[in-house]
C-alpha atoms as a PDB file:
ATOM      1  CA  MET A   1       1.926  -3.749  -0.415  1.00  0.00           C
ATOM      2  CA  PRO A   2       1.242  -0.309   1.111  1.00  0.00           C
ATOM      3  CA  LEU A   3       4.104   1.188  -0.923  1.00  0.00           C
ATOM      4  CA  GLY A   4       2.672  -0.260  -4.140  1.00  0.00           C
ATOM      5  CA  GLN A   5      -0.791   1.107  -3.297  1.00  0.00           C
ATOM      6  CA  SER A   6       0.666   4.550  -2.560  1.00  0.00           C
ATOM      7  CA  VAL A   7       2.513   4.558  -5.882  1.00  0.00           C
ATOM      8  CA  GLU A   8      -0.701   3.567  -7.688  1.00  0.00           C
ATOM      9  CA  ARG A   9      -2.618   6.457  -6.052  1.00  0.00           C
ATOM     10  CA  LEU A  10       0.187   8.887  -6.933  1.00  0.00           C
ATOM     11  CA  SER A  11       0.197   7.648 -10.542  1.00  0.00           C
ATOM     12  CA  ALA A  12      -3.587   8.073 -10.786  1.00  0.00           C
ATOM     13  CA  PHE A  13      -3.306  11.615  -9.387  1.00  0.00           C
ATOM     14  CA  ALA A  14      -0.512  12.535 -11.823  1.00  0.00           C
ATOM     15  CA  ALA A  15      -2.487  11.131 -14.776  1.00  0.00           C
ATOM     16  CA  ALA A  16      -5.556  13.134 -13.745  1.00  0.00           C
ATOM     17  CA  GLN A  17      -3.519  16.335 -13.399  1.00  0.00           C
ATOM     18  CA  ALA A  18      -1.887  15.790 -16.812  1.00  0.00           C
ATOM     19  CA  ASN A  19      -5.264  14.873 -18.362  1.00  0.00           C
ATOM     20  CA  LEU A  20      -3.932  11.491 -19.525  1.00  0.00           C
ATOM     21  CA  LYS A  21      -6.519   8.911 -20.554  1.00  0.00           C
ATOM     22  CA  ASN A  22      -6.536   5.352 -21.845  1.00  0.00           C
ATOM     23  CA  ASP A  23      -8.608   4.591 -24.926  1.00  0.00           C
ATOM     24  CA  ILE A  24      -8.971   0.882 -25.512  1.00  0.00           C
ATOM     25  CA  SER A  25     -11.950   0.380 -27.793  1.00  0.00           C
ATOM     26  CA  THR A  26     -12.866  -3.165 -26.765  1.00  0.00           C
ATOM     27  CA  LEU A  27     -12.576  -2.520 -23.040  1.00  0.00           C
ATOM     28  CA  GLY A  28     -15.701  -1.242 -21.295  1.00  0.00           C
ATOM     29  CA  ASN A  29     -13.767   0.506 -18.528  1.00  0.00           C
ATOM     30  CA  PRO A  30     -10.328   1.554 -19.824  1.00  0.00           C
ATOM     31  CA  SER A  31      -9.298   2.867 -16.419  1.00  0.00           C
ATOM     32  CA  THR A  32      -8.887  -0.763 -15.344  1.00  0.00           C
ATOM     33  CA  MET A  33      -5.871  -1.075 -17.660  1.00  0.00           C
ATOM     34  CA  ARG A  34      -2.528   0.479 -16.763  1.00  0.00           C
ATOM     35  CA  GLY A  35       0.761   0.648 -18.553  1.00  0.00           C
ATOM     36  CA  LEU A  36       3.321   0.029 -15.829  1.00  0.00           C
ATOM     37  CA  ASN A  37       6.495  -0.164 -17.874  1.00  0.00           C
ATOM     38  CA  PRO A  38       6.360   2.023 -20.999  1.00  0.00           C
ATOM     39  CA  GLY A  39       7.707   0.958 -24.319  1.00  0.00           C
ATOM     40  CA  PHE A  40       6.837  -0.346 -27.748  1.00  0.00           C
ATOM     41  CA  ALA A  41       6.478  -4.010 -28.608  1.00  0.00           C
ATOM     42  CA  LYS A  42       5.770  -5.629 -31.941  1.00  0.00           C
ATOM     43  CA  GLY A  43       4.978  -9.298 -32.225  1.00  0.00           C
ATOM     44  CA  GLU A  44       2.310 -11.957 -32.209  1.00  0.00           C
ATOM     45  CA  LEU A  45      -0.074 -11.673 -29.252  1.00  0.00           C
ATOM     46  CA  VAL A  46      -0.342 -14.978 -27.359  1.00  0.00           C
ATOM     47  CA  VAL A  47      -2.930 -15.488 -24.612  1.00  0.00           C
ATOM     48  CA  ILE A  48      -1.847 -18.058 -22.032  1.00  0.00           C
ATOM     49  CA  ASN A  49      -4.704 -19.577 -20.016  1.00  0.00           C
ATOM     50  CA  GLU A  50      -2.447 -21.482 -17.631  1.00  0.00           C
ATOM     51  CA  ALA A  51       1.277 -20.928 -17.340  1.00  0.00           C
ATOM     52  CA  SER A  52       3.394 -23.963 -16.616  1.00  0.00           C
ATOM     53  CA  GLU A  53       7.049 -24.535 -15.831  1.00  0.00           C
ATOM     54  CA  ASP A  54       7.672 -26.430 -19.090  1.00  0.00           C
ATOM     55  CA  MET A  55       5.869 -24.102 -21.527  1.00  0.00           C
ATOM     56  CA  GLU A  56       7.883 -22.807 -24.450  1.00  0.00           C
ATOM     57  CA  ILE A  57       8.331 -19.043 -24.594  1.00  0.00           C
ATOM     58  CA  ASP A  58       9.240 -17.225 -27.806  1.00  0.00           C
ATOM     59  CA  PRO A  59      11.255 -14.040 -27.124  1.00  0.00           C
ATOM     60  CA  ASN A  60       9.643 -12.334 -30.156  1.00  0.00           C
ATOM     61  CA  LYS A  61       6.047 -12.671 -28.947  1.00  0.00           C
ATOM     62  CA  ILE A  62       3.860 -10.618 -26.622  1.00  0.00           C
ATOM     63  CA  TYR A  63       2.260 -12.705 -23.872  1.00  0.00           C
ATOM     64  CA  VAL A  64      -0.943 -12.190 -21.897  1.00  0.00           C
ATOM     65  CA  PHE A  65      -1.052 -14.040 -18.560  1.00  0.00           C
ATOM     66  CA  ASP A  66      -3.505 -14.314 -15.717  1.00  0.00           C
ATOM     67  CA  HIS A  67      -0.525 -14.965 -13.431  1.00  0.00           C
ATOM     68  CA  PRO A  68       2.868 -15.014 -15.165  1.00  0.00           C
ATOM     69  CA  PRO A  69       5.429 -17.652 -14.198  1.00  0.00           C
ATOM     70  CA  ALA A  70       8.021 -16.532 -11.673  1.00  0.00           C
ATOM     71  CA  ASP A  71      10.892 -17.529 -13.943  1.00  0.00           C
ATOM     72  CA  LEU A  72       9.655 -15.845 -17.131  1.00  0.00           C
ATOM     73  CA  LYS A  73      12.388 -15.394 -19.718  1.00  0.00           C
ATOM     74  CA  PRO A  74      12.676 -12.170 -21.787  1.00  0.00           C
ATOM     75  CA  VAL A  75       9.815 -11.652 -24.267  1.00  0.00           C
ATOM     76  CA  ALA A  76       8.694  -8.802 -26.554  1.00  0.00           C
ATOM     77  CA  GLY A  77       5.930  -7.678 -24.180  1.00  0.00           C
ATOM     78  CA  ILE A  78       3.885  -8.738 -21.154  1.00  0.00           C
ATOM     79  CA  ALA A  79       0.255  -8.095 -20.242  1.00  0.00           C
ATOM     80  CA  THR A  80      -1.322  -9.472 -17.106  1.00  0.00           C
ATOM     81  CA  VAL A  81      -5.022  -9.863 -16.374  1.00  0.00           C
ATOM     82  CA  SER A  82      -5.139  -9.936 -12.598  1.00  0.00           C
ATOM     83  CA  GLU A  83      -1.673  -9.137 -11.346  1.00  0.00           C
ATOM     84  CA  GLY A  84       0.509  -6.104 -11.423  1.00  0.00           C
ATOM     85  CA  ASN A  85       1.251  -2.960  -9.541  1.00  0.00           C
ATOM     86  CA  MET A  86       4.353  -0.796  -9.603  1.00  0.00           C
ATOM     87  CA  VAL A  87       6.279  -3.136  -7.272  1.00  0.00           C
ATOM     88  CA  SER A  88       4.893  -6.551  -8.288  1.00  0.00           C
ATOM     89  CA  HIS A  89       7.270  -9.321  -9.298  1.00  0.00           C
ATOM     90  CA  VAL A  90       6.280  -9.221 -12.979  1.00  0.00           C
ATOM     91  CA  GLN A  91       6.647  -5.427 -13.111  1.00  0.00           C
ATOM     92  CA  LEU A  92      10.109  -5.466 -11.557  1.00  0.00           C
ATOM     93  CA  LEU A  93      11.136  -8.291 -13.889  1.00  0.00           C
ATOM     94  CA  ALA A  94       9.831  -6.418 -16.937  1.00  0.00           C
ATOM     95  CA  ARG A  95      11.492  -3.161 -15.894  1.00  0.00           C
ATOM     96  CA  ASN A  96      14.847  -4.869 -15.310  1.00  0.00           C
ATOM     97  CA  LEU A  97      14.679  -6.596 -18.698  1.00  0.00           C
ATOM     98  CA  GLY A  98      13.364  -3.531 -20.584  1.00  0.00           C
ATOM     99  CA  ILE A  99      10.087  -5.246 -21.508  1.00  0.00           C
ATOM    100  CA  PRO A 100       6.927  -3.169 -22.030  1.00  0.00           C
ATOM    101  CA  ASN A 101       4.313  -4.204 -19.474  1.00  0.00           C
END
């Protein structure tokens, strides 16, 4: 956890020095959103309220989770609402599979 927090602080510092900003029009505070694994994804956006072990996942869709399942199969893109730092499970999974997160 401390390593993840240190990486987050370093990323915030680097973004400030490079004058990088997020502009998400429907989000009141865009600094609360971070792109952890860069990339481009095209597909239908699916919001999942509760992930379950038996839910069907389409590899061509982009999924939004509160907490993604631990055994998530490859998808077009992943967004998480409450989870995710540079060393979280979903981030490492996305990075290893080449999925924008």
